[in-house]
Structure formats: C-alpha cells, structure tokens
Amino acid sequence: MEAVQTLSVADFILNSLEKSPVCLSKSLHESSVVLAFFRTTCPACQLLFPYLERIHDYYPIQRIYGISQDAEATTREFAARYAVEFPVLLDESCYVSEEFGIDVVPTILWVEADMSVGFFSSGFSKKDLNLLGSRIVKRYRQEPIQIAAPDDGAPLIKLGSSSKRPS
C-alpha cells in the first residue's frame, strides 16, 4: 500500500446492487471510505474479496464499497459466491473507473473526508491488506487482527488484470 500525497478523487453517484444510489461525498461525512474496484473474472479480485469481507466483519466501523466494472447479473453472482456483505456498486460503463484512472483491478483506494487518497493498492497483496487493517486500527482505535496470514494458503501477491475501462 503506498502513500499518495497529491491524488484526490471526484465525487460520484453509483447504484448499488440493491438499486440504491450511493454518493461518495455523502459517505465521507461519516468516515473515510475504502473503494475496491474489481471485475468478476479477475483471479486477483477473487482472491481479494474474502479478505475484504474479513475486514468488513471485524471492523464494521470502516465503510467499504466494492465497485464492479461488470453487468449487474454477473456482479450479483460474484457477490453471492464470495458472500460479500458490504455494498457493491455498479460501474458497468466504467465512467467512475475512467475518472479515477483505474487501469488494473483489483485497485483499492482509501479516500479521506477531503476526497484525498491516503493509500492505494493495485493487484492482490497480503502486505497491503495487513497495512489497510493497521490503518483502520489506528484510525478508529480498534483491536488489531491479522487480516492476511502468510501461511493461509493464498499467495502473498498476485498481479491484477486489466481494467475494462476504455484506454
């Protein structure tokens, strides 16, 4: 996970799988937000989502949004297969992905209340997931847990896949 000093993001509104519009800036009034851009066919994304769900389970104070670049039906199947309980938003046209410059999925962004990006991660990395967990612990004074153990059967890293956004 790398610190990003100068990057900020634009506001957006995307519909969730539950058909509810979600506005980034309104979500940021409550806390920082973790955005996880993904494609359902991406192997690194498939590895990532159980760990994001673990973060969601242990640290429900941290808002997480999955942002799918795929169609609703495919995204709904993915969310069911990986038992995703945090909100999943639909970016089928890749408009938000384009605005954010997402070239590789999965990409995780930690967005602060001022719309700045504090950290980002691209691809699958256990080190980055544990750093994200540490950031949550520090921010919200939560009890620390290890998000991704080195010997849990998953690889330490896995390169991501190309984003569906237009080049």
Protein backbone atom coordinates (compact mmCIF):
# COMPACT_ATOMS: atom_id res chain seq x y z
CA MET A 1 0.00 0.00 0.00
CA GLU A 2 1.55 3.28 -1.00
CA ALA A 3 1.03 6.76 0.41
CA VAL A 4 -0.36 9.16 -2.16
CA GLN A 5 0.35 12.81 -1.39
CA THR A 6 -1.29 14.69 -4.25
CA LEU A 7 -4.06 12.50 -5.59
CA SER A 8 -7.66 13.44 -4.96
CA VAL A 9 -10.81 11.96 -6.43
CA ALA A 10 -14.00 13.32 -7.92
CA ASP A 11 -17.40 12.79 -6.36
CA PHE A 12 -19.67 10.18 -7.91
CA ILE A 13 -23.06 8.56 -7.56
CA LEU A 14 -23.41 4.87 -8.45
CA ASN A 15 -26.26 2.46 -7.87
CA SER A 16 -25.77 -0.45 -5.53
CA LEU A 17 -26.92 -3.99 -6.22
CA GLU A 18 -29.91 -3.08 -4.04
CA LYS A 19 -30.71 -0.29 -6.55
CA SER A 20 -29.91 2.45 -4.02
CA PRO A 21 -27.84 5.40 -5.23
CA VAL A 22 -24.60 5.87 -3.27
CA CYS A 23 -22.85 9.24 -3.30
CA LEU A 24 -19.17 9.21 -2.34
CA SER A 25 -19.12 12.66 -0.71
CA LYS A 26 -22.15 11.83 1.46
CA SER A 27 -20.50 8.59 2.57
CA LEU A 28 -17.40 10.54 3.58
CA HIS A 29 -19.33 12.65 6.09
CA GLU A 30 -19.43 9.60 8.35
CA SER A 31 -15.87 8.31 7.91
CA SER A 32 -13.20 7.51 5.39
CA VAL A 33 -14.20 5.06 2.68
CA VAL A 34 -12.40 2.09 1.15
CA LEU A 35 -13.18 1.63 -2.55
CA ALA A 36 -12.34 -1.71 -4.18
CA PHE A 37 -12.56 -1.65 -7.98
CA PHE A 38 -12.93 -5.13 -9.49
CA ARG A 39 -14.00 -7.39 -12.34
CA THR A 40 -15.78 -10.64 -11.62
CA THR A 41 -13.47 -12.69 -13.89
CA CYS A 42 -10.25 -11.32 -12.37
CA PRO A 43 -8.39 -14.04 -10.38
CA ALA A 44 -6.72 -11.48 -8.08
CA CYS A 45 -10.14 -9.93 -7.37
CA GLN A 46 -11.50 -13.36 -6.49
CA LEU A 47 -8.61 -13.78 -4.01
CA LEU A 48 -9.13 -10.29 -2.56
CA PHE A 49 -12.82 -10.30 -1.71
CA PRO A 50 -12.80 -12.84 1.14
CA TYR A 51 -10.14 -10.67 2.83
CA LEU A 52 -12.19 -7.51 2.31
CA GLU A 53 -15.14 -9.33 3.83
CA ARG A 54 -12.94 -10.24 6.80
CA ILE A 55 -12.09 -6.54 7.23
CA HIS A 56 -15.78 -5.70 6.97
CA ASP A 57 -16.67 -8.34 9.58
CA TYR A 58 -14.00 -7.32 12.11
CA TYR A 59 -14.13 -3.56 11.54
CA PRO A 60 -17.72 -2.67 10.61
CA ILE A 61 -16.96 0.96 11.50
CA GLN A 62 -14.93 1.17 8.28
CA ARG A 63 -17.14 1.72 5.25
CA ILE A 64 -16.16 -0.43 2.25
CA TYR A 65 -17.63 -0.30 -1.25
CA GLY A 66 -16.90 -2.80 -3.97
CA ILE A 67 -17.12 -1.15 -7.40
CA SER A 68 -17.83 -3.64 -10.17
CA GLN A 69 -16.97 -2.99 -13.79
CA ASP A 70 -19.32 -5.80 -14.85
CA ALA A 71 -23.03 -6.21 -15.51
CA GLU A 72 -25.47 -6.44 -12.63
CA ALA A 73 -26.28 -10.15 -13.04
CA THR A 74 -22.63 -11.20 -13.15
CA THR A 75 -21.82 -8.92 -10.22
CA ARG A 76 -24.71 -10.30 -8.20
CA GLU A 77 -23.42 -13.87 -8.80
CA PHE A 78 -19.90 -12.82 -7.72
CA ALA A 79 -21.21 -11.17 -4.54
CA ALA A 80 -23.18 -14.31 -3.67
CA ARG A 81 -20.28 -16.67 -4.45
CA TYR A 82 -17.89 -14.72 -2.18
CA ALA A 83 -20.52 -13.93 0.49
CA VAL A 84 -19.98 -10.17 0.13
CA GLU A 85 -21.99 -8.30 2.75
CA PHE A 86 -20.64 -4.78 2.21
CA PRO A 87 -22.28 -2.67 -0.52
CA VAL A 88 -21.34 -3.40 -4.12
CA LEU A 89 -21.78 -0.58 -6.62
CA LEU A 90 -22.18 -0.90 -10.37
CA ASP A 91 -19.83 0.92 -12.77
CA GLU A 92 -20.78 -1.02 -15.92
CA SER A 93 -19.92 1.91 -18.19
CA CYS A 94 -16.61 2.33 -16.30
CA TYR A 95 -17.29 6.05 -16.00
CA VAL A 96 -16.03 6.21 -12.42
CA SER A 97 -13.15 3.85 -13.19
CA GLU A 98 -12.16 6.18 -16.03
CA GLU A 99 -12.44 9.27 -13.81
CA PHE A 100 -10.25 7.60 -11.19
CA GLY A 101 -7.70 6.33 -13.75
CA ILE A 102 -8.17 2.67 -12.81
CA ASP A 103 -6.03 0.62 -15.22
CA VAL A 104 -5.69 -2.56 -13.15
CA VAL A 105 -8.15 -4.47 -11.00
CA PRO A 106 -8.31 -5.01 -8.18
CA THR A 107 -7.45 -1.50 -7.08
CA ILE A 108 -8.13 -0.41 -3.52
CA LEU A 109 -8.32 3.27 -2.59
CA TRP A 110 -8.62 4.72 0.93
CA VAL A 111 -10.50 8.00 0.42
CA GLU A 112 -10.39 10.63 3.18
CA ALA A 113 -13.15 13.13 4.03
CA ASP A 114 -11.43 15.82 1.94
CA MET A 115 -11.57 13.48 -1.12
CA SER A 116 -7.84 12.85 -0.99
CA VAL A 117 -6.46 9.36 -1.45
CA GLY A 118 -4.41 8.36 1.56
CA PHE A 119 -3.40 4.91 0.32
CA PHE A 120 -3.87 2.70 -2.69
CA SER A 121 -3.10 -0.84 -3.67
CA SER A 122 -3.20 -2.49 -7.06
CA GLY A 123 -3.38 -6.25 -7.55
CA PHE A 124 -3.54 -8.66 -4.61
CA SER A 125 -1.05 -8.20 -1.79
CA LYS A 126 -1.28 -9.65 1.71
CA LYS A 127 1.14 -6.98 2.91
CA ASP A 128 -1.19 -4.26 1.61
CA LEU A 129 -4.24 -5.90 3.21
CA ASN A 130 -2.47 -6.02 6.57
CA LEU A 131 -1.42 -2.38 6.15
CA LEU A 132 -5.05 -1.49 5.44
CA GLY A 133 -6.06 -3.32 8.61
CA SER A 134 -3.38 -1.41 10.56
CA ARG A 135 -4.66 1.87 9.21
CA ILE A 136 -8.19 1.04 10.35
CA VAL A 137 -6.90 0.03 13.80
CA LYS A 138 -5.01 3.32 14.12
CA ARG A 139 -7.86 5.50 12.80
CA TYR A 140 -10.66 4.00 14.86
CA ARG A 141 -8.69 2.66 17.84
CA GLN A 142 -9.81 -0.90 17.19
CA GLU A 143 -8.33 -4.16 18.42
CA PRO A 144 -5.77 -5.37 15.85
CA ILE A 145 -6.13 -8.66 14.00
CA GLN A 146 -4.06 -10.15 11.21
CA ILE A 147 -6.10 -9.79 8.04
CA ALA A 148 -3.96 -11.99 5.79
CA ALA A 149 -1.70 -14.62 7.37
CA PRO A 150 1.33 -15.56 5.26
CA ASP A 151 0.53 -19.29 5.57
CA ASP A 152 -3.25 -19.25 4.95
CA GLY A 153 -2.99 -20.99 1.57
CA ALA A 154 -3.31 -17.92 -0.65
CA PRO A 155 -0.28 -16.46 -2.43
CA LEU A 156 1.48 -13.46 -0.89
CA ILE A 157 0.88 -11.45 -4.07
CA LYS A 158 -0.94 -11.85 -7.36
CA LEU A 159 -0.86 -9.43 -10.23
CA GLY A 160 -4.14 -7.85 -11.17
CA SER A 161 -5.94 -7.87 -14.51
CA SER A 162 -6.54 -5.09 -16.98
CA SER A 163 -9.43 -2.82 -16.19
CA LYS A 164 -12.40 -2.83 -18.56
CA ARG A 165 -12.24 0.94 -18.81
CA PRO A 166 -11.62 2.36 -22.28
CA SER A 167 -7.97 3.18 -22.96
